[in-house]
Amino acid sequence: MTTQPLLATAPPSREERATINLRDLLEEVVRKQASDLHITAHERPKLRIDGSLVDSDVRDVLTPKETLLLAYSM
């Protein structure tokens, strides 16, 4: 039995990760019955639910470029 050494792999870079898209965010707004979606650079997307701002399911903080792309996608 021969075994191959496991190669250490770095976590995917931000460019390699799936991009955040507006449709997914809006589907979360509907699913959670939020009234607003707040998109700000250097923050996680936020939803207004029952008057309170809560973090979206998106785990990453938005870069300025991602924020701009989300805005332009409308």
PDB file of N, CA and C in Angstrom:
ATOM      1  N   MET A   1       0.852  -1.172   0.000  1.00  0.00           N
ATOM      2  CA  MET A   1       0.000   0.000   0.000  1.00  0.00           C
ATOM      3  C   MET A   1       0.897   1.234   0.000  1.00  0.00           C
ATOM      4  N   THR A   2       0.715   2.082  -0.977  1.00  0.00           N
ATOM      5  CA  THR A   2       1.483   3.321  -1.023  1.00  0.00           C
ATOM      6  C   THR A   2       0.566   4.469  -0.653  1.00  0.00           C
ATOM      7  N   THR A   3       1.118   5.357   0.079  1.00  0.00           N
ATOM      8  CA  THR A   3       0.341   6.536   0.457  1.00  0.00           C
ATOM      9  C   THR A   3       1.016   7.766  -0.099  1.00  0.00           C
ATOM     10  N   GLN A   4       0.216   8.685  -0.496  1.00  0.00           N
ATOM     11  CA  GLN A   4       0.741   9.947  -0.999  1.00  0.00           C
ATOM     12  C   GLN A   4       0.659  10.970   0.110  1.00  0.00           C
ATOM     13  N   PRO A   5       1.666  11.810   0.227  1.00  0.00           N
ATOM     14  CA  PRO A   5       1.618  12.825   1.273  1.00  0.00           C
ATOM     15  C   PRO A   5       0.499  13.824   0.995  1.00  0.00           C
ATOM     16  N   LEU A   6      -0.125  14.263   2.062  1.00  0.00           N
ATOM     17  CA  LEU A   6      -1.168  15.284   1.919  1.00  0.00           C
ATOM     18  C   LEU A   6      -0.508  16.629   1.693  1.00  0.00           C
ATOM     19  N   LEU A   7      -0.995  17.346   0.737  1.00  0.00           N
ATOM     20  CA  LEU A   7      -0.463  18.671   0.458  1.00  0.00           C
ATOM     21  C   LEU A   7      -1.219  19.693   1.286  1.00  0.00           C
ATOM     22  N   ALA A   8      -0.472  20.561   1.905  1.00  0.00           N
ATOM     23  CA  ALA A   8      -1.109  21.638   2.663  1.00  0.00           C
ATOM     24  C   ALA A   8      -1.673  22.638   1.662  1.00  0.00           C
ATOM     25  N   THR A   9      -2.927  22.947   1.827  1.00  0.00           N
ATOM     26  CA  THR A   9      -3.547  23.919   0.925  1.00  0.00           C
ATOM     27  C   THR A   9      -3.993  25.125   1.723  1.00  0.00           C
ATOM     28  N   ALA A  10      -3.767  26.271   1.169  1.00  0.00           N
ATOM     29  CA  ALA A  10      -4.183  27.511   1.813  1.00  0.00           C
ATOM     30  C   ALA A  10      -5.679  27.687   1.596  1.00  0.00           C
ATOM     31  N   PRO A  11      -6.356  28.386   2.513  1.00  0.00           N
ATOM     32  CA  PRO A  11      -7.772  28.657   2.281  1.00  0.00           C
ATOM     33  C   PRO A  11      -7.931  29.500   1.021  1.00  0.00           C
ATOM     34  N   PRO A  12      -9.075  29.403   0.364  1.00  0.00           N
ATOM     35  CA  PRO A  12      -9.262  30.160  -0.875  1.00  0.00           C
ATOM     36  C   PRO A  12      -9.164  31.658  -0.614  1.00  0.00           C
ATOM     37  N   SER A  13      -8.570  32.348  -1.567  1.00  0.00           N
ATOM     38  CA  SER A  13      -8.476  33.802  -1.451  1.00  0.00           C
ATOM     39  C   SER A  13      -9.850  34.416  -1.672  1.00  0.00           C
ATOM     40  N   ARG A  14      -9.979  35.678  -1.347  1.00  0.00           N
ATOM     41  CA  ARG A  14     -11.262  36.369  -1.508  1.00  0.00           C
ATOM     42  C   ARG A  14     -11.718  36.314  -2.969  1.00  0.00           C
ATOM     43  N   GLU A  15     -10.770  36.391  -3.909  1.00  0.00           N
ATOM     44  CA  GLU A  15     -11.127  36.364  -5.326  1.00  0.00           C
ATOM     45  C   GLU A  15     -11.640  34.982  -5.738  1.00  0.00           C
ATOM     46  N   GLU A  16     -11.177  33.927  -5.061  1.00  0.00           N
ATOM     47  CA  GLU A  16     -11.581  32.577  -5.412  1.00  0.00           C
ATOM     48  C   GLU A  16     -12.932  32.195  -4.809  1.00  0.00           C
ATOM     49  N   ARG A  17     -13.353  32.892  -3.776  1.00  0.00           N
ATOM     50  CA  ARG A  17     -14.627  32.579  -3.146  1.00  0.00           C
ATOM     51  C   ARG A  17     -15.776  33.036  -4.033  1.00  0.00           C
ATOM     52  N   ALA A  18     -16.924  32.443  -3.810  1.00  0.00           N
ATOM     53  CA  ALA A  18     -18.108  32.854  -4.564  1.00  0.00           C
ATOM     54  C   ALA A  18     -18.436  34.303  -4.225  1.00  0.00           C
ATOM     55  N   THR A  19     -18.805  35.061  -5.213  1.00  0.00           N
ATOM     56  CA  THR A  19     -19.157  36.444  -4.952  1.00  0.00           C
ATOM     57  C   THR A  19     -20.561  36.524  -4.371  1.00  0.00           C
ATOM     58  N   ILE A  20     -20.773  37.543  -3.608  1.00  0.00           N
ATOM     59  CA  ILE A  20     -22.076  37.785  -3.000  1.00  0.00           C
ATOM     60  C   ILE A  20     -22.962  38.387  -4.074  1.00  0.00           C
ATOM     61  N   ASN A  21     -24.185  37.860  -4.216  1.00  0.00           N
ATOM     62  CA  ASN A  21     -25.041  38.460  -5.229  1.00  0.00           C
ATOM     63  C   ASN A  21     -26.328  38.988  -4.600  1.00  0.00           C
ATOM     64  N   LEU A  22     -26.865  39.994  -5.242  1.00  0.00           N
ATOM     65  CA  LEU A  22     -28.027  40.706  -4.736  1.00  0.00           C
ATOM     66  C   LEU A  22     -29.253  39.803  -4.638  1.00  0.00           C
ATOM     67  N   ARG A  23     -29.414  38.918  -5.586  1.00  0.00           N
ATOM     68  CA  ARG A  23     -30.590  38.030  -5.561  1.00  0.00           C
ATOM     69  C   ARG A  23     -30.614  37.202  -4.277  1.00  0.00           C
ATOM     70  N   ASP A  24     -29.473  36.625  -3.907  1.00  0.00           N
ATOM     71  CA  ASP A  24     -29.412  35.826  -2.678  1.00  0.00           C
ATOM     72  C   ASP A  24     -29.743  36.677  -1.453  1.00  0.00           C
ATOM     73  N   LEU A  25     -29.222  37.904  -1.422  1.00  0.00           N
ATOM     74  CA  LEU A  25     -29.521  38.793  -0.302  1.00  0.00           C
ATOM     75  C   LEU A  25     -31.009  39.137  -0.245  1.00  0.00           C
ATOM     76  N   LEU A  26     -31.607  39.416  -1.401  1.00  0.00           N
ATOM     77  CA  LEU A  26     -33.028  39.754  -1.423  1.00  0.00           C
ATOM     78  C   LEU A  26     -33.903  38.556  -1.070  1.00  0.00           C
ATOM     79  N   GLU A  27     -33.475  37.359  -1.461  1.00  0.00           N
ATOM     80  CA  GLU A  27     -34.219  36.162  -1.064  1.00  0.00           C
ATOM     81  C   GLU A  27     -34.178  35.991   0.460  1.00  0.00           C
ATOM     82  N   GLU A  28     -33.036  36.328   1.071  1.00  0.00           N
ATOM     83  CA  GLU A  28     -32.946  36.274   2.532  1.00  0.00           C
ATOM     84  C   GLU A  28     -33.871  37.316   3.168  1.00  0.00           C
ATOM     85  N   VAL A  29     -33.953  38.500   2.563  1.00  0.00           N
ATOM     86  CA  VAL A  29     -34.858  39.543   3.059  1.00  0.00           C
ATOM     87  C   VAL A  29     -36.293  39.021   3.087  1.00  0.00           C
ATOM     88  N   VAL A  30     -36.713  38.402   2.004  1.00  0.00           N
ATOM     89  CA  VAL A  30     -38.078  37.871   1.923  1.00  0.00           C
ATOM     90  C   VAL A  30     -38.277  36.733   2.919  1.00  0.00           C
ATOM     91  N   ARG A  31     -37.316  35.809   2.954  1.00  0.00           N
ATOM     92  CA  ARG A  31     -37.423  34.643   3.837  1.00  0.00           C
ATOM     93  C   ARG A  31     -37.523  35.047   5.309  1.00  0.00           C
ATOM     94  N   LYS A  32     -36.777  36.087   5.692  1.00  0.00           N
ATOM     95  CA  LYS A  32     -36.760  36.522   7.094  1.00  0.00           C
ATOM     96  C   LYS A  32     -37.750  37.654   7.364  1.00  0.00           C
ATOM     97  N   GLN A  33     -38.519  38.027   6.348  1.00  0.00           N
ATOM     98  CA  GLN A  33     -39.514  39.085   6.445  1.00  0.00           C
ATOM     99  C   GLN A  33     -38.909  40.403   6.944  1.00  0.00           C
ATOM    100  N   ALA A  34     -37.750  40.737   6.391  1.00  0.00           N
ATOM    101  CA  ALA A  34     -37.081  41.993   6.733  1.00  0.00           C
ATOM    102  C   ALA A  34     -37.691  43.125   5.917  1.00  0.00           C
ATOM    103  N   SER A  35     -37.621  44.340   6.452  1.00  0.00           N
ATOM    104  CA  SER A  35     -38.164  45.478   5.727  1.00  0.00           C
ATOM    105  C   SER A  35     -37.090  46.209   4.917  1.00  0.00           C
ATOM    106  N   ASP A  36     -35.824  46.052   5.301  1.00  0.00           N
ATOM    107  CA  ASP A  36     -34.734  46.769   4.634  1.00  0.00           C
ATOM    108  C   ASP A  36     -33.506  45.887   4.527  1.00  0.00           C
ATOM    109  N   LEU A  37     -32.694  46.198   3.512  1.00  0.00           N
ATOM    110  CA  LEU A  37     -31.387  45.590   3.342  1.00  0.00           C
ATOM    111  C   LEU A  37     -30.369  46.719   3.340  1.00  0.00           C
ATOM    112  N   HIS A  38     -29.382  46.642   4.229  1.00  0.00           N
ATOM    113  CA  HIS A  38     -28.335  47.661   4.329  1.00  0.00           C
ATOM    114  C   HIS A  38     -27.034  47.076   3.816  1.00  0.00           C
ATOM    115  N   ILE A  39     -26.467  47.741   2.799  1.00  0.00           N
ATOM    116  CA  ILE A  39     -25.212  47.293   2.203  1.00  0.00           C
ATOM    117  C   ILE A  39     -24.201  48.430   2.363  1.00  0.00           C
ATOM    118  N   THR A  40     -23.139  48.163   3.118  1.00  0.00           N
ATOM    119  CA  THR A  40     -22.118  49.162   3.419  1.00  0.00           C
ATOM    120  C   THR A  40     -20.743  48.522   3.311  1.00  0.00           C
ATOM    121  N   ALA A  41     -19.799  49.233   2.712  1.00  0.00           N
ATOM    122  CA  ALA A  41     -18.425  48.730   2.630  1.00  0.00           C
ATOM    123  C   ALA A  41     -17.856  48.559   4.033  1.00  0.00           C
ATOM    124  N   HIS A  42     -17.029  47.549   4.188  1.00  0.00           N
ATOM    125  CA  HIS A  42     -16.347  47.223   5.455  1.00  0.00           C
ATOM    126  C   HIS A  42     -17.302  46.735   6.535  1.00  0.00           C
ATOM    127  N   GLU A  43     -18.482  46.277   6.134  1.00  0.00           N
ATOM    128  CA  GLU A  43     -19.486  45.723   7.063  1.00  0.00           C
ATOM    129  C   GLU A  43     -20.097  44.484   6.425  1.00  0.00           C
ATOM    130  N   ARG A  44     -20.691  43.632   7.248  1.00  0.00           N
ATOM    131  CA  ARG A  44     -21.511  42.538   6.721  1.00  0.00           C
ATOM    132  C   ARG A  44     -22.848  43.134   6.304  1.00  0.00           C
ATOM    133  N   PRO A  45     -23.509  42.575   5.290  1.00  0.00           N
ATOM    134  CA  PRO A  45     -24.849  43.061   4.953  1.00  0.00           C
ATOM    135  C   PRO A  45     -25.757  42.916   6.181  1.00  0.00           C
ATOM    136  N   LYS A  46     -26.663  43.864   6.344  1.00  0.00           N
ATOM    137  CA  LYS A  46     -27.556  43.853   7.495  1.00  0.00           C
ATOM    138  C   LYS A  46     -29.000  43.907   7.023  1.00  0.00           C
ATOM    139  N   LEU A  47     -29.887  43.320   7.830  1.00  0.00           N
ATOM    140  CA  LEU A  47     -31.318  43.324   7.559  1.00  0.00           C
ATOM    141  C   LEU A  47     -32.028  44.031   8.702  1.00  0.00           C
ATOM    142  N   ARG A  48     -33.082  44.772   8.374  1.00  0.00           N
ATOM    143  CA  ARG A  48     -33.904  45.372   9.425  1.00  0.00           C
ATOM    144  C   ARG A  48     -35.104  44.452   9.633  1.00  0.00           C
ATOM    145  N   ILE A  49     -35.148  43.860  10.818  1.00  0.00           N
ATOM    146  CA  ILE A  49     -36.229  42.943  11.170  1.00  0.00           C
ATOM    147  C   ILE A  49     -36.870  43.448  12.453  1.00  0.00           C
ATOM    148  N   ASP A  50     -38.165  43.743  12.381  1.00  0.00           N
ATOM    149  CA  ASP A  50     -38.905  44.272  13.530  1.00  0.00           C
ATOM    150  C   ASP A  50     -38.207  45.491  14.145  1.00  0.00           C
ATOM    151  N   GLY A  51     -37.661  46.355  13.289  1.00  0.00           N
ATOM    152  CA  GLY A  51     -37.052  47.596  13.748  1.00  0.00           C
ATOM    153  C   GLY A  51     -35.604  47.487  14.185  1.00  0.00           C
ATOM    154  N   SER A  52     -35.060  46.285  14.244  1.00  0.00           N
ATOM    155  CA  SER A  52     -33.671  46.101  14.678  1.00  0.00           C
ATOM    156  C   SER A  52     -32.803  45.664  13.502  1.00  0.00           C
ATOM    157  N   LEU A  53     -31.549  46.148  13.468  1.00  0.00           N
ATOM    158  CA  LEU A  53     -30.607  45.711  12.451  1.00  0.00           C
ATOM    159  C   LEU A  53     -29.917  44.431  12.915  1.00  0.00           C
ATOM    160  N   VAL A  54     -29.945  43.420  12.060  1.00  0.00           N
ATOM    161  CA  VAL A  54     -29.288  42.149  12.357  1.00  0.00           C
ATOM    162  C   VAL A  54     -28.394  41.772  11.173  1.00  0.00           C
ATOM    163  N   ASP A  55     -27.321  41.055  11.454  1.00  0.00           N
ATOM    164  CA  ASP A  55     -26.424  40.615  10.391  1.00  0.00           C
ATOM    165  C   ASP A  55     -27.109  39.614   9.486  1.00  0.00           C
ATOM    166  N   SER A  56     -26.788  39.701   8.217  1.00  0.00           N
ATOM    167  CA  SER A  56     -27.272  38.741   7.235  1.00  0.00           C
ATOM    168  C   SER A  56     -26.532  37.422   7.444  1.00  0.00           C
ATOM    169  N   ASP A  57     -26.949  36.395   6.718  1.00  0.00           N
ATOM    170  CA  ASP A  57     -26.275  35.104   6.771  1.00  0.00           C
ATOM    171  C   ASP A  57     -24.898  35.145   6.118  1.00  0.00           C
ATOM    172  N   VAL A  58     -24.616  36.183   5.339  1.00  0.00           N
ATOM    173  CA  VAL A  58     -23.311  36.339   4.694  1.00  0.00           C
ATOM    174  C   VAL A  58     -22.272  36.556   5.784  1.00  0.00           C
ATOM    175  N   ARG A  59     -21.246  35.719   5.787  1.00  0.00           N
ATOM    176  CA  ARG A  59     -20.238  35.769   6.854  1.00  0.00           C
ATOM    177  C   ARG A  59     -19.144  36.801   6.597  1.00  0.00           C
ATOM    178  N   ASP A  60     -18.937  37.151   5.335  1.00  0.00           N
ATOM    179  CA  ASP A  60     -17.833  38.035   4.982  1.00  0.00           C
ATOM    180  C   ASP A  60     -18.212  39.508   5.067  1.00  0.00           C
ATOM    181  N   VAL A  61     -17.238  40.296   5.445  1.00  0.00           N
ATOM    182  CA  VAL A  61     -17.378  41.751   5.405  1.00  0.00           C
ATOM    183  C   VAL A  61     -17.237  42.161   3.943  1.00  0.00           C
ATOM    184  N   LEU A  62     -18.084  43.060   3.491  1.00  0.00           N
ATOM    185  CA  LEU A  62     -18.056  43.498   2.095  1.00  0.00           C
ATOM    186  C   LEU A  62     -16.875  44.427   1.845  1.00  0.00           C
ATOM    187  N   THR A  63     -16.179  44.190   0.757  1.00  0.00           N
ATOM    188  CA  THR A  63     -15.131  45.108   0.339  1.00  0.00           C
ATOM    189  C   THR A  63     -15.805  46.282  -0.388  1.00  0.00           C
ATOM    190  N   PRO A  64     -15.099  47.392  -0.540  1.00  0.00           N
ATOM    191  CA  PRO A  64     -15.680  48.495  -1.314  1.00  0.00           C
ATOM    192  C   PRO A  64     -16.067  48.059  -2.730  1.00  0.00           C
ATOM    193  N   LYS A  65     -15.244  47.209  -3.354  1.00  0.00           N
ATOM    194  CA  LYS A  65     -15.553  46.751  -4.714  1.00  0.00           C
ATOM    195  C   LYS A  65     -16.825  45.910  -4.728  1.00  0.00           C
ATOM    196  N   GLU A  66     -16.982  44.992  -3.775  1.00  0.00           N
ATOM    197  CA  GLU A  66     -18.193  44.166  -3.716  1.00  0.00           C
ATOM    198  C   GLU A  66     -19.423  45.035  -3.489  1.00  0.00           C
ATOM    199  N   THR A  67     -19.290  46.036  -2.627  1.00  0.00           N
ATOM    200  CA  THR A  67     -20.403  46.939  -2.346  1.00  0.00           C
ATOM    201  C   THR A  67     -20.822  47.672  -3.619  1.00  0.00           C
ATOM    202  N   LEU A  68     -19.843  48.158  -4.358  1.00  0.00           N
ATOM    203  CA  LEU A  68     -20.131  48.866  -5.603  1.00  0.00           C
ATOM    204  C   LEU A  68     -20.780  47.944  -6.629  1.00  0.00           C
ATOM    205  N   LEU A  69     -20.261  46.719  -6.741  1.00  0.00           N
ATOM    206  CA  LEU A  69     -20.842  45.763  -7.692  1.00  0.00           C
ATOM    207  C   LEU A  69     -22.279  45.419  -7.326  1.00  0.00           C
ATOM    208  N   LEU A  70     -22.570  45.284  -6.033  1.00  0.00           N
ATOM    209  CA  LEU A  70     -23.957  45.016  -5.611  1.00  0.00           C
ATOM    210  C   LEU A  70     -24.864  46.177  -5.983  1.00  0.00           C
ATOM    211  N   ALA A  71     -24.389  47.393  -5.752  1.00  0.00           N
ATOM    212  CA  ALA A  71     -25.201  48.578  -6.074  1.00  0.00           C
ATOM    213  C   ALA A  71     -25.439  48.679  -7.567  1.00  0.00           C
ATOM    214  N   TYR A  72     -24.392  48.453  -8.361  1.00  0.00           N
ATOM    215  CA  TYR A  72     -24.525  48.548  -9.817  1.00  0.00           C
ATOM    216  C   TYR A  72     -25.346  47.404 -10.401  1.00  0.00           C
ATOM    217  N   SER A  73     -25.478  46.300  -9.674  1.00  0.00           N
ATOM    218  CA  SER A  73     -26.230  45.164 -10.212  1.00  0.00           C
ATOM    219  C   SER A  73     -27.729  45.446 -10.282  1.00  0.00           C
ATOM    220  N   MET A  74     -28.177  46.512  -9.622  1.00  0.00           N
ATOM    221  CA  MET A  74     -29.596  46.868  -9.690  1.00  0.00           C
ATOM    222  C   MET A  74     -29.864  47.542 -10.992  1.00  0.00           C
TER     223      MET A  74
END
